Amino acid sequence: MAAAVFSDPVAAQRRLVREYVGQRYPDKPEAAHVSRTCRALLDAVLDGQDAQLLRHKDHSLSVLAVRGIGALAQPGKWRDRRGFLLAAAGNAVARARLAASLERAVFHAGPDGASWLRSRFDAFHSHFVPLAQDNLRDALLASGSIPLVLDAVTDIPGAPSGRYWDGGLVDYHLHLPYQREPDLVLYPHFADHIVPGWLDKAMPWRRARSGDSALDNMILVSPSPAFVASLPNGKLPDRRDFPYYGQGHAARMRDWRRAIAESERMAAAFARWAEQPDLRQAGDL
């Protein structure tokens, strides 16, 4: 969640950290249970301050989701499994084939109306939906609804009817047309490379390469391999930690808080460097 659109972004970020770290699940939870838990998490993080996200005078907010089409248009657990298998098979042949299964949905609020994304730039059809009080939570939940882990979010107000999931299926590392922006684009990221879609993770040849015009004006800021290796389990915290720790919630929370503290230290180091940039240090803060 973009904390910058709150009047007190630090407090919003702290609420997100508290609620996200504090999640507890039984072994092998049903998707409906995970969806309910995440919706409650959103309520706690938003804290009744929805209007700040929708009407910020300086910052724009874009929330990305995907809408299922074709085999993914109809509900049903086994239909979903079959639909995503077909989507993965098509994507393995060519990323453009994924457009037969998924469409991009851009939920937007703020001054620019997501104008820089509106001219088509890839194979995916895109829907642009203004964020409002009646669809904010649905859009935010859809943007993180991992297929088969959470339920699809259905019939979001203001958007085309249908079923919506995590936008990372199409825009995993946000390989977007940044060259349309006249200025530099700062991209804080968890990896030192750009993978277009979630299904491309196992295909290193799909990574964005030097010479890609979308990256010409992008400055990527990411943790170094040495930093990641220093964290608990030698990796960034992620959803795989839930089954790894099982019902050892206290141990997971302890290790996540340690990783968060190290990330805060890294952020402070970057802020100091930004005040007095030294390119000799740019490779390792």
Protein backbone atom coordinates (compact mmCIF):
# COMPACT_ATOMS: atom_id res chain seq x y z
CA MET A 1 0.00 0.00 0.00
CA ALA A 2 1.26 3.50 -0.87
CA ALA A 3 1.56 5.13 2.55
CA ALA A 4 2.41 8.48 0.93
CA VAL A 5 -1.27 9.13 0.17
CA PHE A 6 -2.10 9.32 3.90
CA SER A 7 -1.77 12.60 5.76
CA ASP A 8 0.47 10.75 8.24
CA PRO A 9 2.37 8.26 6.06
CA VAL A 10 4.61 7.04 8.88
CA ALA A 11 1.62 6.10 11.04
CA ALA A 12 -0.01 4.35 8.06
CA GLN A 13 3.14 2.36 7.38
CA ARG A 14 3.35 1.34 11.02
CA ARG A 15 -0.26 0.13 10.94
CA LEU A 16 0.52 -1.93 7.85
CA VAL A 17 3.60 -3.47 9.47
CA ARG A 18 1.70 -4.27 12.67
CA GLU A 19 -1.25 -5.87 10.90
CA TYR A 20 0.77 -7.75 8.28
CA VAL A 21 3.26 -9.19 10.75
CA GLY A 22 0.46 -10.08 13.13
CA GLN A 23 -1.41 -12.36 10.71
CA ARG A 24 -2.12 -15.85 12.04
CA TYR A 25 -3.49 -18.75 10.04
CA PRO A 26 -4.32 -22.36 10.83
CA ASP A 27 -2.51 -25.06 8.91
CA LYS A 28 -3.75 -25.21 5.30
CA PRO A 29 -6.34 -22.42 5.55
CA GLU A 30 -9.14 -22.21 3.00
CA ALA A 31 -8.92 -19.39 0.48
CA ALA A 32 -12.09 -17.83 1.89
CA HIS A 33 -10.47 -17.64 5.34
CA VAL A 34 -7.36 -15.91 3.95
CA SER A 35 -9.54 -13.44 2.03
CA ARG A 36 -11.54 -12.57 5.15
CA THR A 37 -8.35 -12.07 7.15
CA CYS A 38 -6.84 -9.81 4.50
CA ARG A 39 -10.03 -7.76 4.25
CA ALA A 40 -9.93 -7.21 8.02
CA LEU A 41 -6.25 -6.23 7.66
CA LEU A 42 -7.22 -3.61 5.07
CA ASP A 43 -9.89 -2.19 7.37
CA ALA A 44 -7.32 -1.81 10.16
CA VAL A 45 -4.71 -0.18 7.92
CA LEU A 46 -7.15 2.24 6.29
CA ASP A 47 -8.43 3.12 9.78
CA GLY A 48 -11.42 5.02 8.38
CA GLN A 49 -9.16 7.35 6.41
CA ASP A 50 -10.31 6.28 2.94
CA ALA A 51 -10.86 9.86 1.79
CA GLN A 52 -7.15 10.62 2.10
CA LEU A 53 -6.34 7.99 -0.51
CA LEU A 54 -9.11 9.08 -2.83
CA ARG A 55 -8.62 12.85 -2.76
CA HIS A 56 -4.95 13.60 -2.12
CA LYS A 57 -4.07 16.90 -3.78
CA ASP A 58 -0.46 16.02 -4.57
CA HIS A 59 -0.20 12.24 -4.98
CA SER A 60 -1.92 9.90 -7.39
CA LEU A 61 -2.70 6.29 -6.54
CA SER A 62 -2.93 3.45 -9.06
CA VAL A 63 -3.91 -0.04 -7.93
CA LEU A 64 -3.30 -2.87 -10.41
CA ALA A 65 -5.40 -6.02 -10.64
CA VAL A 66 -6.24 -8.50 -13.38
CA ARG A 67 -9.64 -9.59 -14.69
CA GLY A 68 -10.16 -13.17 -15.78
CA ILE A 69 -11.48 -13.82 -19.27
CA GLY A 70 -11.92 -16.95 -21.35
CA ALA A 71 -11.46 -20.03 -19.18
CA LEU A 72 -10.98 -17.81 -16.11
CA ALA A 73 -14.27 -15.97 -16.47
CA GLN A 74 -16.42 -18.62 -14.76
CA PRO A 75 -16.19 -19.42 -11.02
CA GLY A 76 -15.24 -22.80 -9.62
CA LYS A 77 -12.14 -24.16 -7.89
CA TRP A 78 -11.41 -26.73 -10.59
CA ARG A 79 -12.23 -24.28 -13.35
CA ASP A 80 -9.70 -21.91 -11.82
CA ARG A 81 -7.04 -24.60 -11.70
CA ARG A 82 -7.67 -25.51 -15.32
CA GLY A 83 -7.82 -21.84 -16.36
CA PHE A 84 -4.52 -20.97 -14.73
CA LEU A 85 -2.85 -24.06 -16.16
CA LEU A 86 -3.97 -22.96 -19.62
CA ALA A 87 -2.78 -19.41 -18.90
CA ALA A 88 0.63 -20.67 -17.75
CA ALA A 89 0.96 -22.88 -20.83
CA GLY A 90 0.16 -19.99 -23.14
CA ASN A 91 2.55 -17.68 -21.30
CA ALA A 92 5.33 -20.26 -21.60
CA VAL A 93 5.02 -20.02 -25.38
CA ALA A 94 4.82 -16.22 -25.48
CA ARG A 95 3.93 -13.58 -22.90
CA ALA A 96 1.43 -12.06 -25.35
CA ARG A 97 -0.63 -15.27 -25.18
CA LEU A 98 -1.42 -14.57 -21.54
CA ALA A 99 -3.66 -11.77 -22.83
CA ALA A 100 -6.17 -14.45 -23.87
CA SER A 101 -6.69 -15.25 -20.17
CA LEU A 102 -6.19 -11.99 -18.29
CA GLU A 103 -6.86 -8.29 -18.74
CA ARG A 104 -5.20 -5.47 -16.79
CA ALA A 105 -7.38 -3.39 -14.47
CA VAL A 106 -6.06 0.00 -13.31
CA PHE A 107 -7.99 1.47 -10.38
CA HIS A 108 -6.89 5.08 -10.01
CA ALA A 109 -7.32 8.20 -7.91
CA GLY A 110 -5.51 11.51 -7.79
CA PRO A 111 -4.49 14.36 -10.05
CA ASP A 112 -3.21 12.50 -13.12
CA GLY A 113 -5.92 9.86 -13.57
CA ALA A 114 -3.31 7.26 -14.60
CA SER A 115 -3.01 9.16 -17.87
CA TRP A 116 0.48 7.86 -18.64
CA LEU A 117 -0.79 4.28 -18.85
CA ARG A 118 -3.80 4.88 -21.07
CA SER A 119 -2.14 4.53 -24.48
CA ARG A 120 -1.71 0.82 -25.14
CA PHE A 121 1.87 -0.39 -24.69
CA ASP A 122 1.63 -4.21 -24.71
CA ALA A 123 -0.67 -7.09 -25.63
CA PHE A 124 -3.00 -6.69 -22.65
CA HIS A 125 -6.30 -4.88 -22.83
CA SER A 126 -6.63 -2.46 -19.90
CA HIS A 127 -9.66 -1.20 -18.02
CA PHE A 128 -9.40 2.12 -16.16
CA VAL A 129 -11.67 2.47 -13.15
CA PRO A 130 -11.86 5.51 -10.84
CA LEU A 131 -11.38 4.63 -7.20
CA ALA A 132 -14.27 5.58 -4.95
CA GLN A 133 -15.58 4.83 -1.47
CA ASP A 134 -17.56 1.84 -2.70
CA ASN A 135 -14.71 0.05 -4.52
CA LEU A 136 -11.51 1.03 -2.69
CA ARG A 137 -11.33 -2.01 -0.43
CA ASP A 138 -12.34 -4.41 -3.19
CA ALA A 139 -9.67 -3.00 -5.52
CA LEU A 140 -6.97 -3.17 -2.85
CA LEU A 141 -7.94 -6.72 -1.90
CA ALA A 142 -8.02 -7.81 -5.56
CA SER A 143 -4.55 -6.34 -6.13
CA GLY A 144 -3.11 -8.89 -3.69
CA SER A 145 -5.46 -11.84 -4.23
CA ILE A 146 -3.08 -14.62 -5.23
CA PRO A 147 -5.00 -17.25 -7.22
CA LEU A 148 -5.94 -20.37 -5.26
CA VAL A 149 -4.53 -18.77 -2.07
CA LEU A 150 -7.25 -16.11 -1.85
CA ASP A 151 -10.65 -16.05 -3.54
CA ALA A 152 -11.16 -13.88 -6.59
CA VAL A 153 -12.84 -10.55 -5.86
CA THR A 154 -16.01 -10.46 -7.94
CA ASP A 155 -18.00 -7.66 -9.56
CA ILE A 156 -16.10 -4.67 -8.19
CA PRO A 157 -18.31 -1.55 -8.31
CA GLY A 158 -17.50 0.67 -11.29
CA ALA A 159 -15.46 -2.02 -13.03
CA PRO A 160 -16.55 -4.49 -15.74
CA SER A 161 -18.32 -7.45 -14.16
CA GLY A 162 -16.08 -10.41 -13.56
CA ARG A 163 -13.45 -11.93 -11.31
CA TYR A 164 -10.32 -10.07 -10.24
CA TRP A 165 -6.97 -11.25 -8.88
CA ASP A 166 -3.46 -10.05 -8.06
CA GLY A 167 -2.18 -7.58 -10.66
CA GLY A 168 1.26 -9.18 -10.38
CA LEU A 169 0.10 -11.98 -12.67
CA VAL A 170 0.55 -9.51 -15.53
CA ASP A 171 2.62 -6.73 -13.91
CA TYR A 172 4.80 -8.56 -11.40
CA HIS A 173 7.73 -6.13 -11.31
CA LEU A 174 5.83 -3.28 -12.95
CA HIS A 175 7.54 -3.32 -16.34
CA LEU A 176 5.59 -0.26 -17.45
CA PRO A 177 6.22 2.47 -20.08
CA TYR A 178 8.30 4.73 -17.84
CA GLN A 179 9.82 6.40 -20.90
CA ARG A 180 6.54 8.34 -21.19
CA GLU A 181 7.49 10.28 -18.07
CA PRO A 182 9.67 13.32 -18.79
CA ASP A 183 11.64 13.01 -15.54
CA LEU A 184 13.57 10.29 -13.74
CA VAL A 185 11.53 7.51 -12.16
CA LEU A 186 12.69 6.23 -8.76
CA TYR A 187 11.77 2.57 -8.30
CA PRO A 188 12.38 1.09 -4.81
CA HIS A 189 12.27 -2.65 -5.45
CA PHE A 190 12.95 -5.95 -3.67
CA ALA A 191 15.06 -7.36 -6.53
CA ASP A 192 17.89 -6.08 -8.70
CA HIS A 193 16.11 -7.03 -11.93
CA ILE A 194 12.72 -6.59 -13.60
CA VAL A 195 10.50 -9.59 -14.39
CA PRO A 196 7.39 -8.59 -16.41
CA GLY A 197 4.85 -11.12 -15.05
CA TRP A 198 4.61 -13.54 -12.13
CA LEU A 199 4.54 -16.50 -14.52
CA ASP A 200 7.85 -15.30 -15.99
CA LYS A 201 9.80 -15.82 -12.76
CA ALA A 202 11.34 -19.11 -13.87
CA MET A 203 12.30 -17.72 -17.29
CA PRO A 204 15.44 -15.57 -16.98
CA TRP A 205 15.25 -14.71 -20.67
CA ARG A 206 12.03 -12.79 -19.97
CA ARG A 207 13.82 -10.30 -17.72
CA ALA A 208 14.07 -6.72 -18.92
CA ARG A 209 17.43 -6.10 -20.59
CA SER A 210 19.67 -3.08 -21.03
CA GLY A 211 18.52 -1.15 -24.05
CA ASP A 212 14.86 -1.50 -23.02
CA SER A 213 13.48 2.01 -23.54
CA ALA A 214 11.12 1.64 -20.57
CA LEU A 215 14.14 1.54 -18.28
CA ASP A 216 16.09 4.45 -19.77
CA ASN A 217 14.92 6.94 -17.14
CA MET A 218 14.45 4.49 -14.25
CA ILE A 219 16.64 4.45 -11.15
CA LEU A 220 16.26 1.07 -9.46
CA VAL A 221 17.01 0.88 -5.73
CA SER A 222 17.17 -2.65 -4.33
CA PRO A 223 18.82 -4.58 -1.47
CA SER A 224 22.20 -6.10 -2.24
CA PRO A 225 22.69 -9.89 -2.18
CA ALA A 226 24.86 -9.45 0.93
CA PHE A 227 22.05 -7.59 2.70
CA VAL A 228 19.50 -10.28 1.83
CA ALA A 229 21.89 -13.02 2.98
CA SER A 230 22.14 -11.31 6.38
CA LEU A 231 18.40 -11.61 7.02
CA PRO A 232 16.76 -14.52 8.85
CA ASN A 233 16.78 -17.59 6.59
CA GLY A 234 18.93 -15.63 4.13
CA LYS A 235 15.97 -14.19 2.26
CA LEU A 236 13.31 -11.50 2.30
CA PRO A 237 10.18 -12.43 4.26
CA ASP A 238 7.40 -13.74 2.04
CA ARG A 239 4.19 -15.80 2.15
CA ARG A 240 6.13 -19.07 2.04
CA ASP A 241 7.08 -18.34 5.64
CA PHE A 242 3.54 -19.17 6.79
CA PRO A 243 3.85 -22.90 6.00
CA TYR A 244 7.58 -22.88 6.88
CA TYR A 245 6.95 -21.69 10.45
CA GLY A 246 3.55 -23.38 10.70
CA GLN A 247 2.00 -22.64 14.07
CA GLY A 248 5.26 -21.13 15.34
CA HIS A 249 3.79 -17.65 14.97
CA ALA A 250 6.06 -16.06 17.57
CA ALA A 251 9.21 -17.23 15.76
CA ARG A 252 7.94 -15.95 12.40
CA MET A 253 6.97 -12.57 13.88
CA ARG A 254 10.37 -12.29 15.59
CA ASP A 255 12.24 -12.97 12.36
CA TRP A 256 10.01 -10.68 10.30
CA ARG A 257 10.51 -7.85 12.79
CA ARG A 258 14.26 -8.36 12.59
CA ALA A 259 14.09 -8.13 8.78
CA ILE A 260 11.95 -4.99 9.05
CA ALA A 261 14.44 -3.39 11.43
CA GLU A 262 17.29 -4.11 9.00
CA SER A 263 15.22 -2.64 6.17
CA GLU A 264 14.63 0.51 8.20
CA ARG A 265 18.38 0.76 8.70
CA MET A 266 18.90 0.42 4.94
CA ALA A 267 16.27 3.09 4.27
CA ALA A 268 17.98 5.47 6.68
CA ALA A 269 21.32 4.87 4.95
CA PHE A 270 19.75 5.62 1.57
CA ALA A 271 18.17 8.82 2.92
CA ARG A 272 21.56 9.98 4.21
CA TRP A 273 23.14 9.17 0.83
CA ALA A 274 20.38 11.09 -1.00
CA GLU A 275 21.26 14.18 1.02
CA GLN A 276 24.91 13.96 -0.11
CA PRO A 277 25.13 11.58 -3.11
CA ASP A 278 28.41 9.80 -3.70
CA LEU A 279 28.37 7.54 -6.76
CA ARG A 280 31.34 5.60 -5.41
CA GLN A 281 28.97 4.22 -2.76
CA ALA A 282 26.01 3.66 -5.06
CA GLY A 283 26.64 -0.06 -5.46
CA ASP A 284 26.43 -0.89 -1.75
CA LEU A 285 24.70 1.24 0.85
